[in-house]
């Protein structure tokens, strides 16, 4: 690989996950004053637990199951298709498959040679190119 290909740009999911981490850290403390304006029984701990818990669940779904908002997953599929030949040792294409939850999609990898769906983790660990 030449120097230009070693420094691939960051994928859209990278930015989605980093934004969620920032929201998990910052949003609970800033949303509490607004939440108490609607109901005086809302506690800081409860607000933090709900907001941070939702963010953590979204982060875990993004990391381990490749599930995220449809616009992120479509951009991720375009990114992965653009760099698939550089990243993976087998011919593979990506697309965003809708989930049961409206507005969320899952990234699906399909082998181009035999049209079989391959899991994202198997693709990364078994067919990823080693960078020298």
Protein backbone atom coordinates (compact mmCIF):
# COMPACT_ATOMS: atom_id res chain seq x y z
CA UNK A 1 0.00 0.00 0.00
CA UNK A 2 1.22 3.44 -0.74
CA UNK A 3 1.13 6.27 1.81
CA UNK A 4 -2.17 7.70 0.58
CA UNK A 5 -4.04 4.44 1.18
CA UNK A 6 -2.62 3.90 4.67
CA UNK A 7 -4.31 7.10 5.86
CA UNK A 8 -7.93 6.32 5.01
CA UNK A 9 -10.47 8.94 6.11
CA UNK A 10 -12.68 8.22 9.10
CA UNK A 11 -15.93 6.40 8.45
CA UNK A 12 -19.30 8.11 9.11
CA UNK A 13 -20.04 5.64 11.91
CA UNK A 14 -16.87 6.79 13.70
CA UNK A 15 -18.30 10.31 13.90
CA UNK A 16 -21.74 9.01 14.94
CA UNK A 17 -20.22 7.04 17.83
CA UNK A 18 -18.04 9.96 18.96
CA UNK A 19 -21.06 12.29 18.91
CA UNK A 20 -23.03 9.82 21.05
CA UNK A 21 -20.17 9.58 23.55
CA UNK A 22 -20.07 13.38 23.82
CA UNK A 23 -23.85 13.48 24.32
CA UNK A 24 -23.70 10.79 27.01
CA UNK A 25 -21.12 12.85 28.89
CA UNK A 26 -22.61 16.33 28.42
CA UNK A 27 -26.36 16.07 27.87
CA UNK A 28 -27.54 14.68 31.25
CA UNK A 29 -26.21 17.65 33.19
CA UNK A 30 -27.58 20.21 30.75
CA UNK A 31 -31.05 18.69 30.29
CA UNK A 32 -31.90 18.44 34.00
CA UNK A 33 -32.91 22.10 34.52
CA UNK A 34 -35.25 21.93 31.53
CA UNK A 35 -36.75 18.61 32.64
CA UNK A 36 -37.57 19.96 36.13
CA UNK A 37 -39.54 22.81 34.53
CA UNK A 38 -42.13 20.27 33.35
CA UNK A 39 -42.32 18.09 36.44
CA UNK A 40 -40.92 18.76 39.91
CA UNK A 41 -40.58 15.04 40.72
CA UNK A 42 -37.77 14.58 38.18
CA UNK A 43 -34.43 13.97 39.89
CA UNK A 44 -30.93 14.62 38.56
CA UNK A 45 -30.04 10.95 38.94
CA UNK A 46 -33.14 9.80 37.06
CA UNK A 47 -32.53 12.24 34.24
CA UNK A 48 -28.90 11.22 33.95
CA UNK A 49 -29.80 7.54 34.04
CA UNK A 50 -32.38 7.80 31.26
CA UNK A 51 -30.36 10.02 28.92
CA UNK A 52 -27.03 8.27 29.46
CA UNK A 53 -28.64 4.82 29.30
CA UNK A 54 -30.29 5.60 25.96
CA UNK A 55 -27.02 6.92 24.56
CA UNK A 56 -25.05 3.91 25.78
CA UNK A 57 -27.57 1.50 24.21
CA UNK A 58 -27.28 3.36 20.88
CA UNK A 59 -23.47 3.22 21.08
CA UNK A 60 -23.49 -0.52 21.80
CA UNK A 61 -25.91 -1.18 18.92
CA UNK A 62 -23.67 0.80 16.60
CA UNK A 63 -20.47 -0.94 17.66
CA UNK A 64 -21.59 -4.55 17.99
CA UNK A 65 -24.61 -4.89 15.68
CA UNK A 66 -23.87 -2.18 13.06
CA UNK A 67 -27.24 -0.53 13.72
CA UNK A 68 -27.69 3.22 13.52
CA UNK A 69 -29.79 5.97 11.97
CA UNK A 70 -30.55 5.36 8.32
CA UNK A 71 -28.62 8.41 7.10
CA UNK A 72 -25.50 7.25 8.98
CA UNK A 73 -25.74 3.67 7.72
CA UNK A 74 -26.28 4.75 4.10
CA UNK A 75 -23.23 7.01 4.32
CA UNK A 76 -21.30 4.16 5.96
CA UNK A 77 -22.31 1.81 3.12
CA UNK A 78 -21.08 4.32 0.51
CA UNK A 79 -17.82 4.76 2.45
CA UNK A 80 -17.27 1.00 2.85
CA UNK A 81 -18.05 0.36 -0.84
CA UNK A 82 -15.55 3.04 -1.86
CA UNK A 83 -12.70 1.52 0.20
CA UNK A 84 -13.70 -2.18 0.21
CA UNK A 85 -10.91 -3.25 -2.15
CA UNK A 86 -8.31 -1.59 0.11
CA UNK A 87 -9.71 -2.86 3.41
CA UNK A 88 -10.89 -6.43 2.69
CA UNK A 89 -9.27 -9.38 0.94
CA UNK A 90 -12.54 -10.62 -0.64
CA UNK A 91 -14.90 -8.80 -3.00
CA UNK A 92 -17.70 -7.41 -0.85
CA UNK A 93 -20.49 -4.83 -1.19
CA UNK A 94 -22.39 -3.02 1.53
CA UNK A 95 -25.93 -1.71 1.83
CA UNK A 96 -28.23 -0.42 4.55
CA UNK A 97 -31.03 -2.82 5.49
CA UNK A 98 -34.03 -1.33 7.36
CA UNK A 99 -34.77 -2.62 10.87
CA UNK A 100 -38.09 -2.94 12.66
CA UNK A 101 -37.54 0.45 14.29
CA UNK A 102 -38.40 3.28 11.87
CA UNK A 103 -35.45 5.55 11.11
CA UNK A 104 -32.82 2.94 11.96
CA UNK A 105 -30.96 0.63 9.57
CA UNK A 106 -28.37 -2.09 9.77
CA UNK A 107 -25.24 -2.30 7.65
CA UNK A 108 -25.23 -5.51 5.63
CA UNK A 109 -22.16 -6.94 3.88
CA UNK A 110 -22.66 -9.25 0.89
CA UNK A 111 -19.93 -11.17 -0.86
CA UNK A 112 -19.78 -10.06 -4.48
CA UNK A 113 -18.55 -13.43 -5.76
CA UNK A 114 -21.33 -15.68 -4.39
CA UNK A 115 -24.00 -13.26 -3.01
CA UNK A 116 -23.83 -14.66 0.52
CA UNK A 117 -24.32 -12.31 3.45
CA UNK A 118 -21.30 -12.21 5.73
CA UNK A 119 -21.26 -10.97 9.30
CA UNK A 120 -19.42 -7.73 9.98
CA UNK A 121 -17.16 -9.21 12.66
CA UNK A 122 -16.27 -12.24 10.51
CA UNK A 123 -15.50 -9.87 7.66
CA UNK A 124 -13.27 -7.67 9.81
CA UNK A 125 -11.33 -10.46 11.50
CA UNK A 126 -11.18 -13.14 8.79
CA UNK A 127 -10.95 -11.05 5.64
CA UNK A 128 -9.37 -7.74 6.66
CA UNK A 129 -6.12 -6.82 4.97
CA UNK A 130 -3.13 -6.53 7.25
CA UNK A 131 -1.47 -3.14 7.10
CA UNK A 132 2.30 -3.48 7.03
